[in-house]
Amino acid sequence: MRTTDSWKDYKVIATGDGEKLEDWAGVKLLRPDPQVIWHKNRDLKKGVDAFYERSGGGGKWHFNKKIPQQWNVAWKGLKFIVKPMGFKHTGLFPEQAVNWEMMQKLIKDAKRPIKVLNLFAYTGGASIACASVGAAVTHVDASKGMTERAKENAKLNNLNSIRFIVDDCAKFIEREKRRGNKYDAIIMDPPSYGRGPSGEMWKLEDNLADFVALTKSVLSENPLFVLINSYTTGLQPTVIANILISVFGAGNVEADEIGLLSEEGLVLPCGASGVKIWKN
């Protein structure tokens, strides 16, 4: 399990009975988490500013006090927008900081221009982290709304080296392949299920291996890394490692769970990540 202690504006306070209590720069939110099947040792709703309650096939936020519609959290000099949104999301996955730190170090240590392709890029946490240390980033996501939020995050950090693309990721790669465009690093955070802007269906267990193989066609002759992250429950890190090895070859492949330490002394599991690293 890899965790990070680099957050000052975010922490997990307590967990239990399917919920996690978080502090986002002083705003306390209570959200569902399907991994939390252990019992809580306190009333998690006591003193929260807002909580998300599931109902039927959806759910909604309940606000105990007036909080900003959106606000910022800081991480190592970078800023990100936080906003309670549909389906319990806030627009940021703090556990990814452990990957941001790793990618930043690899980019800085490369001591050469690095082109990064961030696929299924959401609101741009990884894009911002990589661009902030000098990488030229292409950010691709099928959601126009999430891409607009990513642009806001980039503007918040005065970053102008990110190219934003709203598109189906597989179709974008096919076009880049035809154009002959190459990237030194590829990041992907594919959903369990999804649809592209033209109704393209995506199912992780059916499509991931072929998709990763497709990305090899746009990898440069002097690659730096390929990182796969997944929140799909039950997808083991070894599966990610095996896909990376089968596509890019053995050697310098690492995969593990990622998580967040809570103030109560527990580790909250937050999916799995795997990375293939090439030595400069």
Protein backbone atom coordinates (compact mmCIF):
# COMPACT_ATOMS: atom_id res chain seq x y z
CA MET A 1 0.00 0.00 0.00
CA ARG A 2 1.37 3.42 -0.99
CA THR A 3 0.16 6.49 0.87
CA THR A 4 1.17 10.14 1.04
CA ASP A 5 1.64 12.56 3.91
CA SER A 6 2.07 15.60 1.65
CA TRP A 7 -1.41 17.10 2.18
CA LYS A 8 -1.86 20.05 4.53
CA ASP A 9 -5.35 21.10 3.35
CA TYR A 10 -6.91 17.64 3.33
CA LYS A 11 -7.27 14.74 5.75
CA VAL A 12 -9.45 11.73 6.46
CA ILE A 13 -10.75 12.16 9.98
CA ALA A 14 -12.66 8.93 10.57
CA THR A 15 -14.35 6.07 8.72
CA GLY A 16 -16.92 3.35 9.29
CA ASP A 17 -20.18 1.73 8.17
CA GLY A 18 -19.77 2.71 4.54
CA GLU A 19 -18.76 6.33 5.11
CA LYS A 20 -15.66 8.52 5.35
CA LEU A 21 -15.41 11.84 7.17
CA GLU A 22 -13.01 14.26 5.49
CA ASP A 23 -11.66 17.75 6.12
CA TRP A 24 -11.18 19.80 2.95
CA ALA A 25 -9.39 22.99 4.01
CA GLY A 26 -11.64 23.35 7.03
CA VAL A 27 -14.87 22.15 5.40
CA LYS A 28 -16.00 18.80 6.82
CA LEU A 29 -17.71 16.48 4.35
CA LEU A 30 -19.16 13.02 4.96
CA ARG A 31 -19.30 10.80 1.87
CA PRO A 32 -20.16 7.16 1.13
CA ASP A 33 -17.32 4.74 0.41
CA PRO A 34 -18.07 1.14 -0.62
CA GLN A 35 -14.71 -0.09 0.69
CA VAL A 36 -15.52 0.92 4.26
CA ILE A 37 -17.22 -2.24 5.50
CA TRP A 38 -15.88 -1.99 9.06
CA HIS A 39 -17.84 -0.33 11.89
CA LYS A 40 -17.43 3.26 12.99
CA ASN A 41 -16.40 4.11 16.55
CA ARG A 42 -18.13 7.51 16.70
CA ASP A 43 -21.03 9.47 15.25
CA LEU A 44 -19.58 10.59 11.92
CA LYS A 45 -22.41 13.03 11.17
CA LYS A 46 -21.81 15.07 14.30
CA GLY A 47 -20.40 18.47 13.36
CA VAL A 48 -20.20 17.89 9.61
CA ASP A 49 -20.84 20.77 7.23
CA ALA A 50 -22.40 18.59 4.53
CA PHE A 51 -23.07 14.92 3.85
CA TYR A 52 -24.02 12.92 0.80
CA GLU A 53 -26.88 10.47 1.18
CA ARG A 54 -27.62 7.71 -1.30
CA SER A 55 -31.24 7.10 -2.33
CA GLY A 56 -32.39 4.63 -4.96
CA GLY A 57 -30.05 4.78 -7.94
CA GLY A 58 -28.64 8.17 -7.00
CA GLY A 59 -28.40 10.47 -4.03
CA LYS A 60 -28.00 14.08 -2.98
CA TRP A 61 -26.03 16.42 -0.76
CA HIS A 62 -27.46 17.71 2.53
CA PHE A 63 -25.99 20.89 3.98
CA ASN A 64 -25.97 21.51 7.75
CA LYS A 65 -24.51 24.98 7.29
CA LYS A 66 -23.82 27.34 4.43
CA ILE A 67 -20.55 26.54 2.74
CA PRO A 68 -18.99 28.04 -0.42
CA GLN A 69 -20.28 26.66 -3.70
CA GLN A 70 -16.66 25.85 -4.43
CA TRP A 71 -13.34 26.54 -2.74
CA ASN A 72 -9.64 25.74 -3.15
CA VAL A 73 -7.28 23.31 -1.49
CA ALA A 74 -3.50 23.59 -1.75
CA TRP A 75 -0.95 20.84 -2.30
CA LYS A 76 2.78 21.61 -2.37
CA GLY A 77 2.25 25.05 -3.87
CA LEU A 78 -0.48 23.98 -6.32
CA LYS A 79 -4.18 24.80 -5.96
CA PHE A 80 -7.23 22.75 -6.88
CA ILE A 81 -10.93 23.56 -6.95
CA VAL A 82 -13.19 21.53 -4.67
CA LYS A 83 -16.94 21.46 -5.24
CA PRO A 84 -19.61 19.03 -3.97
CA MET A 85 -21.03 17.51 -7.15
CA GLY A 86 -23.38 14.73 -8.23
CA PHE A 87 -22.72 11.15 -7.18
CA LYS A 88 -20.74 12.24 -4.07
CA HIS A 89 -17.76 13.63 -6.04
CA THR A 90 -15.75 16.73 -5.13
CA GLY A 91 -13.70 17.03 -8.32
CA LEU A 92 -10.45 15.82 -6.75
CA PHE A 93 -8.96 12.50 -5.62
CA PRO A 94 -6.45 13.35 -2.86
CA GLU A 95 -4.93 9.85 -2.79
CA GLN A 96 -3.51 10.54 -6.26
CA ALA A 97 -0.93 12.82 -4.68
CA VAL A 98 1.24 9.75 -4.19
CA ASN A 99 1.31 9.33 -7.98
CA TRP A 100 1.73 13.07 -8.62
CA GLU A 101 4.86 13.06 -6.46
CA MET A 102 6.31 10.07 -8.30
CA MET A 103 5.61 11.51 -11.75
CA GLN A 104 7.01 14.91 -10.84
CA LYS A 105 10.26 13.32 -9.68
CA LEU A 106 10.59 11.24 -12.85
CA ILE A 107 10.00 14.30 -15.05
CA LYS A 108 12.47 16.48 -13.14
CA ASP A 109 15.12 13.75 -13.02
CA ALA A 110 14.83 13.17 -16.79
CA LYS A 111 16.48 16.56 -17.41
CA ARG A 112 14.97 16.77 -20.90
CA PRO A 113 11.70 18.00 -22.43
CA ILE A 114 8.92 15.54 -21.63
CA LYS A 115 5.61 15.26 -23.47
CA VAL A 116 2.85 13.76 -21.31
CA LEU A 117 -0.45 12.32 -22.50
CA ASN A 118 -3.08 12.19 -19.74
CA LEU A 119 -6.08 10.02 -20.71
CA PHE A 120 -9.45 9.92 -18.91
CA ALA A 121 -7.94 12.99 -17.29
CA TYR A 122 -10.99 14.22 -15.30
CA THR A 123 -10.36 17.61 -13.64
CA GLY A 124 -6.64 17.54 -14.32
CA GLY A 125 -4.88 16.75 -11.06
CA ALA A 126 -2.16 14.75 -12.82
CA SER A 127 -2.05 17.24 -15.70
CA ILE A 128 -1.44 20.13 -13.28
CA ALA A 129 1.19 18.19 -11.32
CA CYS A 130 3.17 17.26 -14.43
CA ALA A 131 2.87 20.67 -16.11
CA SER A 132 4.02 22.40 -12.93
CA VAL A 133 7.46 20.77 -13.26
CA GLY A 134 7.85 21.64 -16.93
CA ALA A 135 6.16 18.87 -18.90
CA ALA A 136 4.12 19.67 -22.01
CA VAL A 137 0.81 17.96 -21.24
CA THR A 138 -2.04 16.86 -23.52
CA HIS A 139 -5.17 16.36 -21.41
CA VAL A 140 -7.94 14.18 -22.91
CA ASP A 141 -11.36 13.47 -21.43
CA ALA A 142 -14.77 12.75 -22.97
CA SER A 143 -16.58 15.05 -20.52
CA LYS A 144 -16.76 18.69 -21.56
CA GLY A 145 -17.78 19.72 -18.04
CA MET A 146 -14.82 18.01 -16.37
CA THR A 147 -12.46 19.42 -18.98
CA GLU A 148 -13.74 22.92 -18.24
CA ARG A 149 -12.99 22.32 -14.56
CA ALA A 150 -9.49 21.16 -15.52
CA LYS A 151 -9.00 24.41 -17.45
CA GLU A 152 -10.05 26.33 -14.34
CA ASN A 153 -7.49 24.40 -12.29
CA ALA A 154 -4.79 25.20 -14.83
CA LYS A 155 -5.72 28.89 -14.79
CA LEU A 156 -5.67 28.85 -10.99
CA ASN A 157 -2.04 27.71 -11.18
CA ASN A 158 -1.02 30.01 -14.06
CA LEU A 159 -0.18 27.03 -16.29
CA ASN A 160 -0.44 27.43 -20.04
CA SER A 161 1.48 24.36 -21.26
CA ILE A 162 -1.56 22.04 -21.19
CA ARG A 163 -3.47 21.18 -24.37
CA PHE A 164 -7.08 20.30 -23.53
CA ILE A 165 -9.01 17.85 -25.74
CA VAL A 166 -12.64 16.74 -25.32
CA ASP A 167 -12.81 13.39 -27.08
CA ASP A 168 -13.12 9.64 -26.77
CA CYS A 169 -9.65 8.57 -25.66
CA ALA A 170 -9.32 5.61 -28.04
CA LYS A 171 -10.37 7.69 -31.05
CA PHE A 172 -7.94 10.42 -30.07
CA ILE A 173 -5.06 7.93 -29.90
CA GLU A 174 -5.98 6.54 -33.33
CA ARG A 175 -5.78 10.05 -34.78
CA GLU A 176 -2.48 10.79 -33.03
CA LYS A 177 -1.12 7.53 -34.42
CA ARG A 178 -2.03 8.60 -37.97
CA ARG A 179 -0.49 12.04 -37.37
CA GLY A 180 2.71 10.49 -36.07
CA ASN A 181 2.52 12.31 -32.73
CA LYS A 182 4.45 10.68 -29.89
CA TYR A 183 4.57 11.07 -26.11
CA ASP A 184 7.29 10.30 -23.58
CA ALA A 185 4.87 9.53 -20.74
CA ILE A 186 1.30 8.25 -20.71
CA ILE A 187 -1.11 8.43 -17.77
CA MET A 188 -4.53 6.81 -17.74
CA ASP A 189 -7.31 6.60 -15.16
CA PRO A 190 -10.01 4.65 -17.01
CA PRO A 191 -13.51 4.26 -15.54
CA SER A 192 -15.16 0.94 -14.77
CA TYR A 193 -17.95 1.82 -17.19
CA GLY A 194 -18.47 4.77 -19.45
CA ARG A 195 -19.63 6.27 -22.70
CA GLY A 196 -17.75 8.50 -25.11
CA PRO A 197 -19.24 11.71 -26.55
CA SER A 198 -20.78 9.72 -29.44
CA GLY A 199 -22.11 6.91 -27.27
CA GLU A 200 -19.01 4.71 -27.39
CA MET A 201 -19.23 2.00 -24.72
CA TRP A 202 -16.38 1.30 -22.31
CA LYS A 203 -16.14 -1.61 -19.88
CA LEU A 204 -12.83 -1.89 -18.05
CA GLU A 205 -12.41 -5.67 -17.94
CA ASP A 206 -13.29 -5.98 -21.62
CA ASN A 207 -11.39 -3.00 -22.99
CA LEU A 208 -8.39 -2.19 -20.79
CA ALA A 209 -5.83 -4.63 -22.23
CA ASP A 210 -6.57 -3.62 -25.83
CA PHE A 211 -6.59 0.06 -24.90
CA VAL A 212 -3.18 -0.12 -23.21
CA ALA A 213 -1.81 -1.93 -26.26
CA LEU A 214 -3.17 0.88 -28.45
CA THR A 215 -1.31 3.51 -26.43
CA LYS A 216 1.99 1.85 -27.31
CA SER A 217 1.56 3.22 -30.84
CA VAL A 218 1.95 6.81 -29.57
CA LEU A 219 4.82 6.16 -27.15
CA SER A 220 8.10 7.82 -28.11
CA GLU A 221 11.32 5.98 -28.87
CA ASN A 222 12.76 7.29 -25.59
CA PRO A 223 9.86 6.81 -23.16
CA LEU A 224 9.87 7.78 -19.50
CA PHE A 225 6.85 6.07 -17.93
CA VAL A 226 3.36 4.68 -18.41
CA LEU A 227 1.03 4.81 -15.41
CA ILE A 228 -2.34 3.08 -15.06
CA ASN A 229 -4.68 3.92 -12.20
CA SER A 230 -7.99 2.22 -11.46
CA TYR A 231 -10.75 2.57 -8.90
CA THR A 232 -12.56 -0.56 -10.08
CA THR A 233 -13.31 -2.65 -6.98
CA GLY A 234 -11.67 -6.04 -7.23
CA LEU A 235 -9.06 -5.11 -9.84
CA GLN A 236 -5.84 -6.33 -8.26
CA PRO A 237 -2.53 -4.48 -8.69
CA THR A 238 -1.06 -7.69 -10.16
CA VAL A 239 -3.56 -7.48 -13.03
CA ILE A 240 -2.33 -3.97 -13.86
CA ALA A 241 1.29 -5.14 -13.61
CA ASN A 242 0.60 -8.07 -15.92
CA ILE A 243 -0.98 -5.80 -18.54
CA LEU A 244 1.97 -3.41 -18.40
CA ILE A 245 4.46 -6.29 -18.74
CA SER A 246 2.54 -7.94 -21.59
CA VAL A 247 2.42 -4.69 -23.58
CA PHE A 248 5.68 -2.93 -22.71
CA GLY A 249 7.93 -5.74 -21.50
CA ALA A 250 9.27 -6.85 -18.14
CA GLY A 251 11.55 -4.81 -15.93
CA ASN A 252 10.89 -1.73 -13.80
CA VAL A 253 7.19 -2.47 -13.40
CA GLU A 254 5.62 -1.71 -10.03
CA ALA A 255 2.00 -2.03 -8.95
CA ASP A 256 0.31 -1.61 -5.60
CA GLU A 257 -2.77 -0.41 -3.80
CA ILE A 258 -2.92 3.29 -3.01
CA GLY A 259 -4.66 4.69 0.02
CA LEU A 260 -5.11 7.42 2.61
CA LEU A 261 -4.17 7.33 6.28
CA SER A 262 -6.95 8.38 8.62
CA GLU A 263 -6.58 10.16 11.93
CA GLU A 264 -7.99 7.08 13.65
CA GLY A 265 -4.98 5.02 12.51
CA LEU A 266 -6.64 3.10 9.68
CA VAL A 267 -5.71 3.03 5.99
CA LEU A 268 -8.53 3.76 3.56
CA PRO A 269 -7.98 1.77 0.32
CA CYS A 270 -8.43 3.91 -2.79
CA GLY A 271 -7.83 1.64 -5.77
CA ALA A 272 -4.72 0.37 -7.48
CA SER A 273 -1.93 1.85 -9.59
CA GLY A 274 0.80 0.38 -11.73
CA VAL A 275 3.72 2.02 -13.51
CA LYS A 276 6.29 0.98 -16.08
CA ILE A 277 9.44 3.11 -15.87
CA TRP A 278 12.22 3.33 -18.42
CA LYS A 279 15.68 4.31 -17.26
CA ASN A 280 17.16 7.41 -18.88
